Every structure is written in C-alpha cells, then in structure tokens.
Amino acid sequence: MTGDKDQSLGNQQLILVLNAGSSSIKFAVFDKALSEVLSGMAEGIGGASRLKVGATEIETPFIDHRSALSAILKLLPKHGIALTDLRAAGHRVVHGGSKLTAPVRVTPEVRAEISSCTPLAPLHNPHNLAAIDTLAELTPDLPQFASFDTSFHASNPEVATRYAIPKMIETKGIRRYGFHGLSYSSLVRRLPEISGEKLPSRLLAFHLGNGASLCAIKNGRSVATTMGYSPLDGLTMGTRSGGIDANAVLRLVEDNGLERTKAILNHESGLLGLSGGKSDMRNLMLDPSADSAFAIEHFCYWSLRHAGSLIAAMEGVDAIAFTGGIGENAVGVRARILRGLEWIGVRMDVDANHARKAQLHAASSKVHIWMVPAEEERMIAIDAAALLEAV
C-alpha cells in the first residue's frame, strides 16, 4: 500500500526507516516480509517546506527536523499505520568512523560515537542524530538502529585506506573511508537474486547518481572504492568536483577563503560547474550545447579512469553492475562507459540497454553486466530486522 488508503495494516510489526539530510527527511515503512508499504519525504526544512506521504502532498512550514518528523508521524495513522504497529526504526547514518563498522542498536554509547564522528561528516551526521534524538523524544520505547554508509568499506586493506601522511595526523581520523556502503551492501544481496547465479568473485560496481562512486567488490567484500576521507573525492558528480589536487584546494582557500572554497567544491562544481548551470544528468542529455556534452564526457571519462584502477585492485573483473539514478536510467551514459571497457572483453546488448533490462551483456561478452535497482532503505530495514531477531 503506497497511496491514500484509510485501511489499517493491522499490527504487522512494521519497521520505519529514516534518511535525514540537511534540509529533508526521507522515510519508508516496511512490513514483516520487508516489503515497502509506504514512503514519503519532508523537504525544504527551514524554508519553503513540503511534506509528501504516499500520494498526499502538503505545503507546510517546518522550522527544524523535529517538527518535520513529528508531522510525518502524525500522518502515518491516516495511511493505516498506528505508531503502536512500529516494532523498530532504522536510520541511515553517513559516517561511523573506524569503530562503527556494522549495523548497531542505538544506545547512549553508540549515539556518543556517532556524535564524535561529526568532524568527519559535518554536513550529514548532525542531521542523522537529529532524527534519532527526535524519535527518541516522540516514541521513547521504540528500538532504534543505525546502518552506516561507511561500514561496507571497513574491509578495505590498510594500504587502500591510509594516506601517505605522518602517523600522528592519521590517528586523528584523516584516512580514506568510502561511502555509498548501503547501496553496495544492497547490490551484493540483490544481484544473485536478479542473475540467478552466485555473486561474481570480482565485481566492479558503479553507484552513479548526483553523488557517484565506484567500488571493487572481491568475494562479496569491498577492497577499494573511489571516495575517500569525504564524499567529495573520486568521480565527477552533480555538484562536487571529485578528485582535485590538494595544492589546488590550498590555492582556492588562499584566493577565496575556507568557507567559500567548501561551497565551490561541494555545491558549485562537478557537472554543474562544467556545464555552466546543469547538475541533473537528464537535463544535460537533453541539452545540445557543447558545455553539456563536455560535462557528460567528463563524467564518463573519469568513471572509466577510476574503473581501470579498481580492476587493477581486484587483479581482474568477472562482472559489472550499475545502480543509482544515473546507473539505472541513463542509457547513453551506460553505453559510453561500457564502450570504454571493451578492452576487457565487455560486449553490451544494445537492445537490452535501451530497454533498461537487468541483464545488459551480449552472449559474446567475457564480462557479465547487470543493472541492479538501488534499495538502500530496504537494506536498512533488513539490518534492523536482523538485529531484532538476534536479541
């Protein structure tokens, strides 16, 4: 059920999943079979805000995350979900640091550790904590669980995570962490179900969206990824620069100051900066201008450059998987990337690509190619359910 149906779901022991951003809260509700029964989002928090729950949309002001989450909870009963039907809440937390490397139940100690990671993710962790704290106030008896975007990459070897800086500085948390871990965890779980085959030993995963990264997955474990200390590193992204020389960053700081440089690299660069105003891949692909064409090529070129690096980290590749908004829907981008990987024996089925089918490889391809829908919220629900059952 995802629409405006005033019928009760009954006491189905539902799991509420929350994904809090800087000015939004996305949510989804899952039943005992871990099927999504309702989803929505509060956006524009602190400004001209709007709440969408199922098919219902309301223009309403939210001064903060607490008021937005309170409004979401008040609307749930109108969609047949009583708060007493909830058996748990699961949260996406962007950064777990070096200690929180697996899903956990939120305790005072865990909350303190998430808070201590705020310097590592100042744009994300405070909002994740705001959702945790608000829910604890509004429904104090509801068990809460946290799943971390960084934890999937905890299996990376130290040679992959350590920057070549003095150890004294590295101990302050300056190292590579990697992100999009919930997406990659979900992909590892879903791909065998989609393909009907066991998980490939050496899997090159493309999570392509407004934020984008690649991951080298060997025997189901991350061994290398393109994002580093923060989600700014690696590929060209919607508004983030991706990889940039540290001395260039220092020059930008000298010329513009620290806060202005943060805004330039995180919010004004990437596809937006290259194209002169467009960050959405759909809009870029519809625009015939040379700047938009160059932005798309830049995105694909650096995806390929990093792909070669991750293939080397795995010492080969058996399969490729695409996920994320661009990875799932941008037919032309997928085709350009796969054409650039023909040197490893990739052969794309053109008709399957245009039809957006799950299997994208031709019969003659030496490397299997798959499209896997992103299911990050469901992965969080799965984590929470597993922890509940383990108690």
Protein backbone atom coordinates (compact mmCIF):
# COMPACT_ATOMS: atom_id res chain seq x y z
CA MET A 1 0.00 0.00 0.00
CA THR A 2 1.54 3.31 -1.07
CA GLY A 3 -1.45 5.60 -1.60
CA ASP A 4 -4.20 7.30 0.41
CA LYS A 5 -5.99 4.26 1.77
CA ASP A 6 -7.54 4.63 5.20
CA GLN A 7 -7.45 0.93 5.88
CA SER A 8 -5.45 -0.43 8.78
CA LEU A 9 -2.48 -2.61 8.11
CA GLY A 10 -3.09 -4.18 11.47
CA ASN A 11 -0.41 -4.99 13.97
CA GLN A 12 2.11 -6.10 11.37
CA GLN A 13 5.24 -5.22 13.35
CA LEU A 14 6.38 -2.59 10.87
CA ILE A 15 9.84 -1.04 10.54
CA LEU A 16 10.20 2.71 9.94
CA VAL A 17 13.32 3.75 8.02
CA LEU A 18 14.57 7.35 8.18
CA ASN A 19 17.15 9.05 5.98
CA ALA A 20 17.74 12.58 7.26
CA GLY A 21 19.57 15.10 5.11
CA SER A 22 20.49 18.73 5.64
CA SER A 23 17.03 20.02 4.68
CA SER A 24 14.97 16.86 4.23
CA ILE A 25 13.82 13.62 5.83
CA LYS A 26 13.06 10.68 3.55
CA PHE A 27 11.16 7.81 5.10
CA ALA A 28 9.81 4.38 4.21
CA VAL A 29 7.77 1.82 6.13
CA PHE A 30 8.34 -1.91 5.66
CA ASP A 31 6.15 -4.82 6.70
CA LYS A 32 7.25 -8.06 8.34
CA ALA A 33 8.14 -9.51 4.91
CA LEU A 34 10.33 -6.41 4.38
CA SER A 35 8.16 -5.12 1.55
CA GLU A 36 7.69 -1.36 1.37
CA VAL A 37 4.13 -0.33 2.29
CA LEU A 38 4.50 3.46 2.44
CA SER A 39 7.11 6.10 1.68
CA GLY A 40 7.44 9.86 1.57
CA MET A 41 9.57 12.87 2.32
CA ALA A 42 9.63 16.16 4.15
CA GLU A 43 11.74 18.62 2.18
CA GLY A 44 12.72 22.25 2.38
CA ILE A 45 13.09 22.09 6.17
CA GLY A 46 13.86 25.55 7.49
CA GLY A 47 12.39 27.23 4.41
CA ALA A 48 9.53 26.76 1.97
CA SER A 49 8.86 23.21 3.07
CA ARG A 50 6.60 20.47 1.79
CA LEU A 51 5.50 17.08 3.11
CA LYS A 52 4.68 14.12 0.89
CA VAL A 53 3.28 10.92 2.42
CA GLY A 54 2.16 8.37 -0.14
CA ALA A 55 0.05 10.30 -2.66
CA THR A 56 -0.69 13.11 -0.18
CA GLU A 57 1.24 16.39 -0.54
CA ILE A 58 1.03 19.26 1.94
CA GLU A 59 2.69 22.67 1.76
CA THR A 60 3.58 23.38 5.39
CA PRO A 61 6.43 25.15 7.19
CA PHE A 62 8.96 23.10 9.16
CA ILE A 63 11.34 25.12 11.28
CA ASP A 64 13.52 22.11 12.06
CA HIS A 65 13.86 18.33 11.72
CA ARG A 66 11.86 17.73 14.90
CA SER A 67 8.77 19.47 13.54
CA ALA A 68 9.11 17.64 10.20
CA LEU A 69 9.44 14.21 11.80
CA SER A 70 6.56 14.96 14.16
CA ALA A 71 4.36 15.80 11.15
CA ILE A 72 5.34 12.55 9.42
CA LEU A 73 4.41 10.51 12.48
CA LYS A 74 1.07 12.32 12.80
CA LEU A 75 0.17 11.44 9.20
CA LEU A 76 1.02 7.75 9.42
CA PRO A 77 -2.31 6.77 11.08
CA LYS A 78 -4.20 8.34 8.16
CA HIS A 79 -2.47 5.75 5.98
CA GLY A 80 -3.40 2.82 8.20
CA ILE A 81 -0.20 2.80 10.28
CA ALA A 82 -0.53 3.32 14.03
CA LEU A 83 2.62 4.13 15.96
CA THR A 84 1.95 1.01 18.02
CA ASP A 85 2.38 -1.01 14.78
CA LEU A 86 6.05 0.01 14.64
CA ARG A 87 8.46 -2.51 16.11
CA ALA A 88 11.65 -0.61 15.23
CA ALA A 89 13.18 2.35 13.43
CA GLY A 90 16.27 2.15 11.27
CA HIS A 91 18.43 5.15 10.38
CA ARG A 92 20.90 5.86 7.63
CA VAL A 93 23.96 7.38 9.28
CA VAL A 94 26.57 8.61 6.84
CA HIS A 95 29.71 8.22 8.95
CA GLY A 96 30.54 5.59 11.53
CA GLY A 97 34.26 6.30 11.64
CA SER A 98 36.68 3.49 12.37
CA LYS A 99 34.68 2.00 15.27
CA LEU A 100 31.10 1.70 13.97
CA THR A 101 31.69 -0.76 11.16
CA ALA A 102 28.44 -2.76 11.28
CA PRO A 103 24.75 -2.04 11.90
CA VAL A 104 24.03 -1.48 15.59
CA ARG A 105 21.21 -0.75 18.02
CA VAL A 106 21.35 2.88 19.11
CA THR A 107 22.41 3.14 22.75
CA PRO A 108 23.78 6.18 24.61
CA GLU A 109 27.28 4.89 23.85
CA VAL A 110 26.53 4.44 20.14
CA ARG A 111 24.94 7.87 19.97
CA ALA A 112 28.06 9.39 21.53
CA GLU A 113 30.28 7.62 18.99
CA ILE A 114 28.12 8.88 16.08
CA SER A 115 28.43 12.38 17.53
CA SER A 116 32.21 12.02 17.79
CA CYS A 117 32.26 11.33 14.04
CA THR A 118 30.65 14.72 13.29
CA PRO A 119 34.00 16.35 12.35
CA LEU A 120 34.32 13.65 9.67
CA ALA A 121 30.84 14.35 8.22
CA PRO A 122 29.75 17.81 9.43
CA LEU A 123 27.11 18.13 6.69
CA HIS A 124 25.48 14.77 7.47
CA ASN A 125 25.91 13.26 10.95
CA PRO A 126 24.27 16.13 12.88
CA HIS A 127 21.07 15.68 10.84
CA ASN A 128 21.19 11.90 11.28
CA LEU A 129 21.48 12.46 15.05
CA ALA A 130 18.62 14.97 14.98
CA ALA A 131 16.31 12.27 13.61
CA ILE A 132 17.50 9.75 16.22
CA ASP A 133 17.04 12.21 19.09
CA THR A 134 13.67 13.46 17.90
CA LEU A 135 12.29 9.94 17.51
CA ALA A 136 13.57 9.06 20.97
CA GLU A 137 11.59 12.00 22.36
CA LEU A 138 8.41 11.26 20.43
CA THR A 139 8.42 7.45 20.79
CA PRO A 140 10.82 6.69 23.67
CA ASP A 141 10.07 2.94 23.80
CA LEU A 142 10.73 2.30 20.10
CA PRO A 143 14.04 0.46 19.49
CA GLN A 144 16.27 2.37 17.07
CA PHE A 145 19.04 1.00 14.86
CA ALA A 146 21.72 2.64 12.74
CA SER A 147 23.25 1.48 9.46
CA PHE A 148 26.35 3.29 8.22
CA ASP A 149 27.34 4.36 4.73
CA THR A 150 30.99 3.82 5.60
CA SER A 151 30.80 0.35 7.15
CA PHE A 152 30.80 -1.69 3.91
CA HIS A 153 34.30 -0.41 3.20
CA ALA A 154 35.74 -1.41 6.58
CA SER A 155 37.11 -4.49 4.80
CA ASN A 156 39.46 -2.36 2.67
CA PRO A 157 43.11 -3.21 3.40
CA GLU A 158 45.12 -0.58 5.25
CA VAL A 159 47.21 0.07 2.16
CA ALA A 160 44.00 1.26 0.49
CA THR A 161 42.75 3.43 3.37
CA ARG A 162 45.97 5.04 4.62
CA TYR A 163 47.06 8.37 3.20
CA ALA A 164 50.83 8.85 2.93
CA ILE A 165 50.88 11.36 5.78
CA PRO A 166 52.56 11.27 9.20
CA LYS A 167 51.03 8.70 11.53
CA MET A 168 50.32 11.31 14.21
CA ILE A 169 47.96 13.07 11.78
CA GLU A 170 46.42 9.80 10.55
CA THR A 171 45.40 8.88 14.10
CA LYS A 172 43.09 11.93 14.11
CA GLY A 173 40.89 10.18 11.56
CA ILE A 174 42.47 11.51 8.37
CA ARG A 175 42.18 8.41 6.18
CA ARG A 176 40.03 7.01 3.38
CA TYR A 177 36.63 5.72 4.48
CA GLY A 178 34.47 5.37 1.37
CA PHE A 179 30.71 5.93 1.15
CA HIS A 180 27.54 4.59 -0.57
CA GLY A 181 28.08 1.46 1.50
CA LEU A 182 24.36 0.80 1.96
CA SER A 183 23.90 0.85 -1.80
CA TYR A 184 26.76 -1.59 -2.31
CA SER A 185 25.52 -3.87 0.50
CA SER A 186 22.12 -3.97 -1.14
CA LEU A 187 23.68 -4.68 -4.54
CA VAL A 188 25.65 -7.63 -3.15
CA ARG A 189 22.46 -9.05 -1.68
CA ARG A 190 20.24 -8.43 -4.71
CA LEU A 191 22.49 -9.36 -7.64
CA PRO A 192 22.34 -13.16 -7.11
CA GLU A 193 18.53 -12.91 -6.90
CA ILE A 194 18.42 -10.98 -10.18
CA SER A 195 21.02 -13.00 -12.07
CA GLY A 196 20.12 -16.45 -10.75
CA GLU A 197 23.86 -17.02 -10.30
CA LYS A 198 26.23 -16.84 -7.36
CA LEU A 199 27.85 -13.49 -6.66
CA PRO A 200 30.79 -12.91 -9.05
CA SER A 201 34.19 -13.21 -7.42
CA ARG A 202 35.40 -9.88 -8.83
CA LEU A 203 32.58 -7.36 -9.19
CA LEU A 204 33.03 -3.77 -10.38
CA ALA A 205 30.08 -1.75 -9.02
CA PHE A 206 29.05 1.68 -10.34
CA HIS A 207 26.83 3.72 -8.00
CA LEU A 208 26.02 6.64 -10.30
CA GLY A 209 23.73 9.43 -9.17
CA ASN A 210 24.05 13.04 -8.04
CA GLY A 211 26.67 11.58 -5.75
CA ALA A 212 28.72 8.93 -7.56
CA SER A 213 31.34 6.34 -6.72
CA LEU A 214 32.79 3.01 -7.82
CA CYS A 215 33.59 0.01 -5.65
CA ALA A 216 35.79 -3.03 -6.23
CA ILE A 217 33.99 -5.97 -4.57
CA LYS A 218 36.03 -9.15 -4.24
CA ASN A 219 34.29 -12.23 -2.85
CA GLY A 220 31.49 -10.02 -1.55
CA ARG A 221 33.77 -7.58 0.29
CA SER A 222 34.88 -4.09 -0.60
CA VAL A 223 38.61 -3.94 -1.34
CA ALA A 224 38.77 -0.45 -2.90
CA THR A 225 36.47 2.49 -3.59
CA THR A 226 36.77 5.92 -5.17
CA MET A 227 35.51 8.17 -2.35
CA GLY A 228 37.98 8.89 0.41
CA TYR A 229 38.01 10.94 3.60
CA SER A 230 34.76 12.54 2.45
CA PRO A 231 32.16 12.07 -0.30
CA LEU A 232 33.94 14.82 -2.29
CA ASP A 233 36.67 12.59 -3.73
CA GLY A 234 36.67 10.37 -6.81
CA LEU A 235 34.31 10.74 -9.76
CA THR A 236 32.87 13.90 -11.28
CA MET A 237 29.50 14.36 -9.54
CA GLY A 238 26.39 16.54 -9.77
CA THR A 239 27.80 19.48 -7.81
CA ARG A 240 31.01 18.01 -6.31
CA SER A 241 34.35 18.33 -8.04
CA GLY A 242 35.54 14.78 -7.48
CA GLY A 243 39.30 14.29 -7.28
CA ILE A 244 41.34 17.51 -7.19
CA ASP A 245 44.98 18.13 -6.30
CA ALA A 246 45.40 19.19 -2.67
CA ASN A 247 47.60 22.14 -3.66
CA ALA A 248 44.82 23.35 -5.96
CA VAL A 249 42.49 23.27 -2.94
CA LEU A 250 45.01 25.24 -0.90
CA ARG A 251 45.21 27.79 -3.71
CA LEU A 252 41.42 28.11 -3.72
CA VAL A 253 41.49 28.68 0.04
CA GLU A 254 44.14 31.38 -0.37
CA ASP A 255 42.09 33.12 -3.06
CA ASN A 256 38.57 32.63 -1.67
CA GLY A 257 38.79 31.71 2.00
CA LEU A 258 37.86 28.41 3.64
CA GLU A 259 34.05 28.64 3.72
CA ARG A 260 33.81 29.89 0.15
CA THR A 261 36.10 27.09 -1.05
CA LYS A 262 33.91 24.50 0.69
CA ALA A 263 30.89 25.88 -1.17
CA ILE A 264 32.72 25.89 -4.52
CA LEU A 265 33.95 22.30 -4.29
CA ASN A 266 30.79 20.76 -2.79
CA HIS A 267 27.96 22.78 -4.32
CA GLU A 268 29.17 24.63 -7.42
CA SER A 269 31.48 22.15 -9.16
CA GLY A 270 31.09 18.80 -10.93
CA LEU A 271 28.54 18.66 -13.73
CA LEU A 272 27.08 21.97 -12.57
CA GLY A 273 30.38 23.80 -12.89
CA LEU A 274 31.39 22.15 -16.17
CA SER A 275 28.07 22.77 -17.90
CA GLY A 276 27.51 26.28 -16.62
CA GLY A 277 24.39 25.53 -14.62
CA LYS A 278 23.06 21.97 -15.05
CA SER A 279 23.71 19.25 -12.47
CA ASP A 280 20.96 16.79 -13.43
CA MET A 281 22.10 14.21 -15.98
CA ARG A 282 18.63 14.12 -17.58
CA ASN A 283 18.79 17.84 -18.35
CA LEU A 284 22.35 17.59 -19.61
CA MET A 285 21.46 14.81 -22.04
CA LEU A 286 18.58 16.88 -23.45
CA ASP A 287 20.77 19.96 -23.91
CA PRO A 288 22.59 20.16 -27.29
CA SER A 289 25.23 22.65 -26.07
CA ALA A 290 28.96 21.88 -26.20
CA ASP A 291 29.32 22.56 -22.46
CA SER A 292 26.71 19.95 -21.57
CA ALA A 293 28.29 17.41 -23.93
CA PHE A 294 31.68 18.05 -22.33
CA ALA A 295 30.25 17.63 -18.82
CA ILE A 296 28.80 14.23 -19.75
CA GLU A 297 32.07 13.14 -21.36
CA HIS A 298 33.99 14.30 -18.27
CA PHE A 299 31.70 12.18 -16.08
CA CYS A 300 32.18 9.10 -18.28
CA TYR A 301 35.92 9.61 -18.80
CA TRP A 302 36.67 9.78 -15.08
CA SER A 303 34.35 6.86 -14.40
CA LEU A 304 36.48 4.87 -16.82
CA ARG A 305 39.78 6.13 -15.38
CA HIS A 306 38.74 5.02 -11.91
CA ALA A 307 37.29 1.75 -13.24
CA GLY A 308 40.72 0.79 -14.54
CA SER A 309 42.22 1.46 -11.11
CA LEU A 310 39.66 -0.71 -9.32
CA ILE A 311 40.02 -3.54 -11.85
CA ALA A 312 43.73 -3.49 -11.04
CA ALA A 313 42.96 -3.61 -7.30
CA MET A 314 40.99 -6.85 -7.88
CA GLU A 315 43.53 -8.16 -10.43
CA GLY A 316 40.74 -8.59 -12.97
CA VAL A 317 36.96 -8.42 -13.23
CA ASP A 318 34.22 -11.00 -13.75
CA ALA A 319 31.13 -8.78 -13.74
CA ILE A 320 29.97 -5.18 -13.77
CA ALA A 321 26.86 -3.79 -12.05
CA PHE A 322 25.21 -0.39 -12.34
CA THR A 323 22.95 1.16 -9.70
CA GLY A 324 21.76 4.62 -8.64
CA GLY A 325 19.63 7.11 -10.56
CA ILE A 326 22.08 7.59 -13.44
CA GLY A 327 23.29 3.99 -13.37
CA GLU A 328 19.74 2.67 -13.68
CA ASN A 329 18.26 5.19 -16.12
CA ALA A 330 20.89 6.99 -18.22
CA VAL A 331 21.10 4.63 -21.20
CA GLY A 332 23.63 6.78 -23.06
CA VAL A 333 25.97 7.08 -20.09
CA ARG A 334 25.94 3.31 -19.53
CA ALA A 335 26.65 2.73 -23.22
CA ARG A 336 29.58 5.19 -23.23
CA ILE A 337 31.15 3.61 -20.14
CA LEU A 338 30.72 0.07 -21.44
CA ARG A 339 32.17 1.03 -24.80
CA GLY A 340 35.23 2.29 -22.94
CA LEU A 341 35.59 -1.10 -21.25
CA GLU A 342 35.56 -3.23 -24.39
CA TRP A 343 39.29 -3.80 -23.92
CA ILE A 344 38.48 -6.21 -21.06
CA GLY A 345 36.05 -8.19 -23.21
CA VAL A 346 32.85 -6.26 -22.42
CA ARG A 347 30.12 -6.61 -25.05
CA MET A 348 26.86 -4.80 -24.38
CA ASP A 349 23.48 -5.93 -25.66
CA VAL A 350 22.30 -2.66 -27.25
CA ASP A 351 18.61 -3.60 -27.23
CA ALA A 352 18.72 -4.71 -23.58
CA ASN A 353 20.42 -1.45 -22.61
CA HIS A 354 17.77 0.65 -24.33
CA ALA A 355 15.02 -1.45 -22.77
CA ARG A 356 16.62 -0.97 -19.33
CA LYS A 357 16.69 -4.71 -18.71
CA ALA A 358 18.51 -6.24 -15.77
CA GLN A 359 20.89 -8.27 -17.96
CA LEU A 360 22.89 -5.95 -20.21
CA HIS A 361 25.63 -8.22 -21.59
CA ALA A 362 25.60 -9.84 -25.03
CA ALA A 363 26.18 -13.58 -25.36
CA SER A 364 29.73 -12.92 -26.61
CA SER A 365 30.71 -10.79 -23.58
CA LYS A 366 33.53 -12.11 -21.41
CA VAL A 367 32.25 -9.97 -18.54
CA HIS A 368 28.65 -10.11 -17.31
CA ILE A 369 26.85 -6.76 -16.98
CA TRP A 370 23.85 -6.09 -14.75
CA MET A 371 21.55 -3.27 -13.73
CA VAL A 372 20.51 -3.53 -10.07
CA PRO A 373 17.87 -1.15 -8.63
CA ALA A 374 19.09 0.72 -5.56
CA GLU A 375 17.32 -0.39 -2.37
CA GLU A 376 19.14 1.46 0.39
CA GLU A 377 16.05 1.93 2.59
CA ARG A 378 15.18 -1.75 2.35
CA MET A 379 18.77 -2.62 3.27
CA ILE A 380 18.41 -0.54 6.43
CA ALA A 381 15.16 -2.36 7.27
CA ILE A 382 16.87 -5.71 6.70
CA ASP A 383 19.70 -4.65 9.05
CA ALA A 384 17.22 -3.61 11.75
CA ALA A 385 15.18 -6.79 11.41
CA ALA A 386 18.29 -8.95 11.68
CA LEU A 387 19.41 -7.18 14.84
CA LEU A 388 15.95 -7.52 16.36
CA GLU A 389 15.94 -11.25 15.70
CA ALA A 390 19.43 -11.62 17.17
CA VAL A 391 18.31 -10.26 20.55
